Amino acid sequence: MQLTISLNSMIALFGAMLVLAAMPSGSVLMVVSRSADSGFVHGTLTALGIVVGDIVFILIAILGLSLLAESKSEAFVLVKYIGGAYLVWLGMRMLLAKPAKLQTKKGSAAAMSSSFFSGLLFTLADQKALLFYLGFFPAFIKLSSMTLTDIAVIISITLLAVGGVKVAYAFMADRATSLFTHRARRRLNIASGGLMLVIGLIVIIKA
């Protein structure tokens, strides 16, 4: 199918997403905390969950389903409740847990899936992300003439820009783990856990 996005638009979109993904944020803190505490694989899986959540919102925005966020549909409210409750539970676990020892970096399948879903639900629970993308893309592309090829290109750009930055954060945090004292890693857990707990409660209250 025909590609309607120009090369200049693709470069501009990639650059903008790269810069935004690199800015300090809750998702960056979560990736860094997961990687420093449980290893690069966990940080990467968390980053993957975040990127998948972003792609879901991007697809909704591209397909013009802006009413989904405004209409308070039952499905969207249910997702918010589930996401909020999970973030509260995960936040409490991180607040109460002791920092993992370095030799326990190879987590179980369940722990690894938890890393992925924590990133995914962290993103999906934030309705502002959808509103952001609804206002973000018109600056770079003409949504009315979008093709499947355009959508595939945008998803690829998202994987490279957002995913690449988050994985880079995970790698740097994992390499620097030896520089983290037990107290520093504990504080990182408290900060990340507290952030997820607060966001989860806000999501549930506003659902």
Protein backbone atom coordinates (compact mmCIF):
# COMPACT_ATOMS: atom_id res chain seq x y z
CA MET A 1 0.00 0.00 0.00
CA GLN A 2 1.06 3.60 -0.56
CA LEU A 3 3.19 5.42 1.96
CA THR A 4 1.89 8.95 2.53
CA ILE A 5 4.28 10.02 5.30
CA SER A 6 7.25 11.96 3.94
CA LEU A 7 10.84 11.17 4.93
CA ASN A 8 11.11 14.55 6.67
CA SER A 9 7.99 13.81 8.71
CA MET A 10 9.36 10.39 9.70
CA ILE A 11 12.66 11.91 10.82
CA ALA A 12 10.87 14.67 12.75
CA LEU A 13 8.52 12.15 14.38
CA PHE A 14 11.41 9.88 15.34
CA GLY A 15 13.38 12.78 16.81
CA ALA A 16 10.43 14.08 18.81
CA MET A 17 9.57 10.65 20.22
CA LEU A 18 13.22 9.99 21.03
CA VAL A 19 13.54 13.22 23.04
CA LEU A 20 10.22 12.72 24.85
CA ALA A 21 11.09 9.13 25.74
CA ALA A 22 14.47 10.21 27.15
CA MET A 23 12.96 12.78 29.51
CA PRO A 24 12.86 11.75 33.19
CA SER A 25 9.42 10.31 33.90
CA GLY A 26 7.56 7.65 35.85
CA SER A 27 8.16 5.08 33.10
CA VAL A 28 11.90 5.78 33.09
CA LEU A 29 12.02 5.47 36.87
CA MET A 30 10.17 2.15 36.67
CA VAL A 31 12.54 0.74 34.04
CA VAL A 32 15.62 1.88 35.93
CA SER A 33 14.32 0.50 39.22
CA ARG A 34 13.41 -2.88 37.71
CA SER A 35 16.73 -3.21 35.96
CA ALA A 36 18.86 -2.09 38.91
CA ASP A 37 16.98 -4.32 41.33
CA SER A 38 16.29 -7.43 39.23
CA GLY A 39 18.51 -7.25 36.16
CA PHE A 40 18.59 -6.14 32.54
CA VAL A 41 16.02 -8.70 31.37
CA HIS A 42 13.42 -7.40 33.83
CA GLY A 43 14.16 -3.81 32.84
CA THR A 44 13.82 -4.72 29.17
CA LEU A 45 10.52 -6.54 29.75
CA THR A 46 9.20 -3.53 31.63
CA ALA A 47 10.27 -1.32 28.73
CA LEU A 48 8.53 -3.69 26.31
CA GLY A 49 5.32 -3.43 28.33
CA ILE A 50 5.53 0.36 28.22
CA VAL A 51 6.07 0.35 24.45
CA VAL A 52 3.15 -2.05 23.87
CA GLY A 53 0.93 0.24 25.95
CA ASP A 54 2.08 3.22 23.90
CA ILE A 55 1.32 1.38 20.66
CA VAL A 56 -2.20 0.58 21.88
CA PHE A 57 -2.84 4.28 22.53
CA ILE A 58 -1.18 5.23 19.23
CA LEU A 59 -3.47 2.87 17.30
CA ILE A 60 -6.52 4.29 19.07
CA ALA A 61 -5.42 7.82 18.27
CA ILE A 62 -4.61 7.03 14.65
CA LEU A 63 -7.96 5.29 14.12
CA GLY A 64 -9.71 8.37 15.39
CA LEU A 65 -11.31 6.79 18.46
CA SER A 66 -11.00 9.92 20.56
CA LEU A 67 -14.53 9.40 21.91
CA LEU A 68 -13.36 6.31 23.77
CA ALA A 69 -11.60 8.45 26.35
CA GLU A 70 -14.39 11.01 26.62
CA SER A 71 -17.42 8.70 26.61
CA LYS A 72 -16.34 6.77 29.71
CA SER A 73 -17.22 3.47 28.01
CA GLU A 74 -17.53 0.44 30.29
CA ALA A 75 -14.57 -1.31 28.68
CA PHE A 76 -12.25 1.65 29.17
CA VAL A 77 -13.40 2.21 32.76
CA LEU A 78 -12.82 -1.49 33.49
CA VAL A 79 -9.29 -1.27 32.09
CA LYS A 80 -8.64 1.74 34.33
CA TYR A 81 -9.91 -0.09 37.43
CA ILE A 82 -7.81 -3.17 36.68
CA GLY A 83 -4.74 -1.12 35.85
CA GLY A 84 -5.14 1.10 38.92
CA ALA A 85 -5.62 -1.85 41.27
CA TYR A 86 -2.58 -3.63 39.84
CA LEU A 87 -0.41 -0.54 40.21
CA VAL A 88 -1.52 -0.13 43.84
CA TRP A 89 -0.66 -3.79 44.52
CA LEU A 90 2.69 -3.54 42.74
CA GLY A 91 3.50 -0.26 44.48
CA MET A 92 2.81 -1.79 47.90
CA ARG A 93 5.04 -4.75 47.05
CA MET A 94 7.92 -2.47 46.08
CA LEU A 95 7.47 -0.33 49.19
CA LEU A 96 7.56 -3.34 51.50
CA ALA A 97 10.10 -5.51 49.67
CA LYS A 98 13.79 -5.56 50.42
CA PRO A 99 16.13 -4.88 47.48
CA ALA A 100 16.89 -8.11 45.67
CA LYS A 101 20.40 -9.52 45.93
CA LEU A 102 22.50 -9.32 42.78
CA GLN A 103 22.76 -13.10 42.41
CA THR A 104 18.99 -13.38 42.12
CA LYS A 105 18.78 -11.44 38.87
CA LYS A 106 17.45 -14.42 36.90
CA GLY A 107 13.81 -14.24 37.89
CA SER A 108 11.11 -16.84 37.41
CA ALA A 109 8.68 -16.79 34.50
CA ALA A 110 6.03 -15.31 36.78
CA ALA A 111 8.35 -12.54 37.94
CA MET A 112 9.30 -11.74 34.36
CA SER A 113 5.66 -11.56 33.28
CA SER A 114 5.09 -9.24 36.22
CA SER A 115 7.77 -6.91 34.87
CA PHE A 116 6.10 -6.84 31.46
CA PHE A 117 2.58 -6.27 32.79
CA SER A 118 3.75 -3.61 35.24
CA GLY A 119 5.05 -1.57 32.29
CA LEU A 120 1.97 -2.30 30.17
CA LEU A 121 -0.61 -1.43 32.82
CA PHE A 122 1.40 1.56 34.01
CA THR A 123 0.95 3.00 30.52
CA LEU A 124 -2.64 1.88 29.89
CA ALA A 125 -3.78 3.27 33.25
CA ASP A 126 -2.70 6.76 32.20
CA GLN A 127 -5.56 8.16 30.13
CA LYS A 128 -3.57 11.35 29.51
CA ALA A 129 -1.26 9.31 27.25
CA LEU A 130 -4.14 8.78 24.83
CA LEU A 131 -5.03 12.46 24.87
CA PHE A 132 -1.36 13.27 24.32
CA TYR A 133 -1.15 11.12 21.21
CA LEU A 134 -4.41 12.54 19.88
CA GLY A 135 -2.82 15.98 19.97
CA PHE A 136 0.69 14.82 19.05
CA PHE A 137 0.31 13.09 15.69
CA PRO A 138 -1.58 15.79 13.76
CA ALA A 139 1.59 17.89 14.01
CA PHE A 140 3.47 15.30 11.92
CA ILE A 141 0.98 13.36 9.82
CA LYS A 142 -2.38 13.78 8.11
CA LEU A 143 -4.63 11.26 9.85
CA SER A 144 -7.38 11.48 7.22
CA SER A 145 -5.14 9.91 4.55
CA MET A 146 -3.46 7.26 6.68
CA THR A 147 -2.77 3.84 5.15
CA LEU A 148 -1.79 0.52 6.73
CA THR A 149 1.76 1.12 5.54
CA ASP A 150 1.81 4.46 7.37
CA ILE A 151 0.58 2.78 10.55
CA ALA A 152 3.29 0.11 10.25
CA VAL A 153 5.94 2.82 9.84
CA ILE A 154 4.68 4.72 12.89
CA ILE A 155 4.71 1.56 15.01
CA SER A 156 8.27 0.84 13.83
CA ILE A 157 9.35 4.38 14.73
CA THR A 158 7.77 3.94 18.18
CA LEU A 159 9.61 0.65 18.75
CA LEU A 160 12.93 2.17 17.73
CA ALA A 161 12.59 5.54 19.48
CA VAL A 162 10.66 4.78 22.68
CA GLY A 163 11.79 1.16 23.00
CA GLY A 164 15.40 1.97 22.21
CA VAL A 165 15.60 4.71 24.85
CA LYS A 166 13.93 2.62 27.55
CA VAL A 167 16.16 -0.38 26.85
CA ALA A 168 19.20 1.92 26.98
CA TYR A 169 18.07 3.08 30.43
CA ALA A 170 17.66 -0.56 31.48
CA PHE A 171 21.16 -1.41 30.23
CA MET A 172 22.81 1.55 31.98
CA ALA A 173 20.98 0.81 35.23
CA ASP A 174 22.02 -2.84 35.09
CA ARG A 175 25.67 -1.97 34.40
CA ALA A 176 25.68 0.54 37.25
CA THR A 177 24.08 -1.80 39.77
CA SER A 178 27.40 -2.27 41.55
CA LEU A 179 27.45 1.48 42.21
CA PHE A 180 24.08 1.32 44.01
CA THR A 181 24.38 0.88 47.75
CA HIS A 182 21.71 -1.12 49.55
CA ARG A 183 20.25 2.12 50.91
CA ALA A 184 20.21 3.79 47.48
CA ARG A 185 18.48 0.83 45.88
CA ARG A 186 15.97 0.79 48.71
CA ARG A 187 15.22 4.48 48.14
CA LEU A 188 14.80 3.81 44.42
CA ASN A 189 12.27 1.08 45.24
CA ILE A 190 10.42 3.42 47.60
CA ALA A 191 10.30 6.20 45.00
CA SER A 192 9.09 3.90 42.22
CA GLY A 193 6.67 2.01 44.46
CA GLY A 194 5.27 5.22 45.92
CA LEU A 195 4.80 6.67 42.44
CA MET A 196 2.91 3.59 41.22
CA LEU A 197 0.79 3.51 44.39
CA VAL A 198 -0.25 7.16 44.02
CA ILE A 199 -0.98 6.84 40.30
CA GLY A 200 -2.98 3.66 40.90
CA LEU A 201 -5.13 5.36 43.55
CA ILE A 202 -5.70 8.40 41.32
CA VAL A 203 -6.75 6.16 38.43
CA ILE A 204 -9.23 4.25 40.64
CA ILE A 205 -10.69 7.45 42.13
CA LYS A 206 -11.17 9.08 38.72
CA ALA A 207 -12.46 5.96 36.96
